[in-house]
Amino acid sequence: MGYPDAGAKTINVQWDFDYGKRFSSTPGYSFVRGSKKEVALVAQYEFPASGTKRIACKVQDDMGGEGLWTAEIEVK
């Protein structure tokens, strides 16, 4: 199934801040939830070094849908 499914609710967000074409959640960024246990759609992360970084975000819904977003960013 693709993401999002019509009428579905986002239940899980995971981040990979060192994406290399194989998704692997960065420690502490798997099943990300806010202070009220809501799904956190925004994440903060401090990169250990500057340079071009490839990141990814995996999102899952309550109907089995899943999506993967990737981007290349410049860290200064």
Protein backbone atom coordinates (compact mmCIF):
# COMPACT_ATOMS: atom_id res chain seq x y z
CA MET A 1 0.00 0.00 0.00
CA GLY A 2 1.06 3.56 -0.55
CA TYR A 3 0.91 6.43 1.88
CA PRO A 4 -1.32 8.11 2.80
CA ASP A 5 -4.42 5.94 2.73
CA ALA A 6 -7.70 7.85 2.46
CA GLY A 7 -9.06 8.48 5.95
CA ALA A 8 -5.97 7.07 7.66
CA LYS A 9 -4.21 8.55 10.67
CA THR A 10 -0.42 8.93 10.91
CA ILE A 11 0.77 6.63 13.72
CA ASN A 12 4.53 6.51 13.29
CA VAL A 13 7.35 8.77 12.10
CA GLN A 14 10.99 7.68 11.96
CA TRP A 15 14.07 9.68 10.91
CA ASP A 16 17.36 8.59 9.35
CA PHE A 17 19.90 11.44 9.39
CA ASP A 18 22.57 9.42 7.55
CA TYR A 19 20.47 7.86 4.79
CA GLY A 20 22.41 5.63 2.41
CA LYS A 21 19.62 4.11 0.25
CA ARG A 22 18.73 1.73 3.08
CA PHE A 23 16.54 3.14 5.84
CA SER A 24 17.92 2.78 9.37
CA SER A 25 16.41 4.94 12.11
CA THR A 26 18.88 7.23 13.86
CA PRO A 27 18.98 6.21 17.56
CA GLY A 28 16.32 8.17 19.45
CA TYR A 29 14.38 9.01 16.27
CA SER A 30 12.34 5.83 15.83
CA PHE A 31 8.62 5.98 16.69
CA VAL A 32 8.94 9.69 17.48
CA ARG A 33 6.26 11.11 19.79
CA GLY A 34 5.71 14.50 21.38
CA SER A 35 5.14 15.31 25.06
CA LYS A 36 1.45 14.38 24.80
CA LYS A 37 2.26 11.13 22.91
CA GLU A 38 1.17 12.67 19.61
CA VAL A 39 3.15 11.81 16.47
CA ALA A 40 6.00 14.33 16.09
CA LEU A 41 6.13 15.52 12.48
CA VAL A 42 9.05 17.87 13.16
CA ALA A 43 12.41 16.67 14.48
CA GLN A 44 15.53 18.46 15.70
CA TYR A 45 18.93 16.89 15.20
CA GLU A 46 22.47 18.21 15.55
CA PHE A 47 24.86 16.82 12.97
CA PRO A 48 28.36 15.99 14.26
CA ALA A 49 30.03 17.59 11.21
CA SER A 50 29.26 20.00 8.39
CA GLY A 51 28.84 19.05 4.75
CA THR A 52 26.25 17.62 2.41
CA LYS A 53 23.96 15.16 4.19
CA ARG A 54 21.28 12.84 2.85
CA ILE A 55 18.35 12.36 5.23
CA ALA A 56 15.14 10.33 5.15
CA CYS A 57 11.83 10.20 6.96
CA LYS A 58 9.54 7.15 7.04
CA VAL A 59 5.85 7.67 7.86
CA GLN A 60 3.29 4.94 8.57
CA ASP A 61 -0.48 5.13 8.92
CA ASP A 62 -3.03 3.07 10.84
CA MET A 63 -4.25 1.33 7.68
CA GLY A 64 -0.89 -0.19 6.70
CA GLY A 65 0.24 2.61 4.39
CA GLU A 66 3.87 3.67 4.42
CA GLY A 67 5.89 6.37 2.70
CA LEU A 68 9.56 7.35 2.55
CA TRP A 69 10.75 10.92 1.94
CA THR A 70 14.42 11.70 1.22
CA ALA A 71 16.37 14.92 0.75
CA GLU A 72 19.92 16.18 0.47
CA ILE A 73 20.76 19.12 2.74
CA GLU A 74 23.84 21.27 3.37
CA VAL A 75 24.93 21.44 7.03
CA LYS A 76 27.11 24.40 8.02
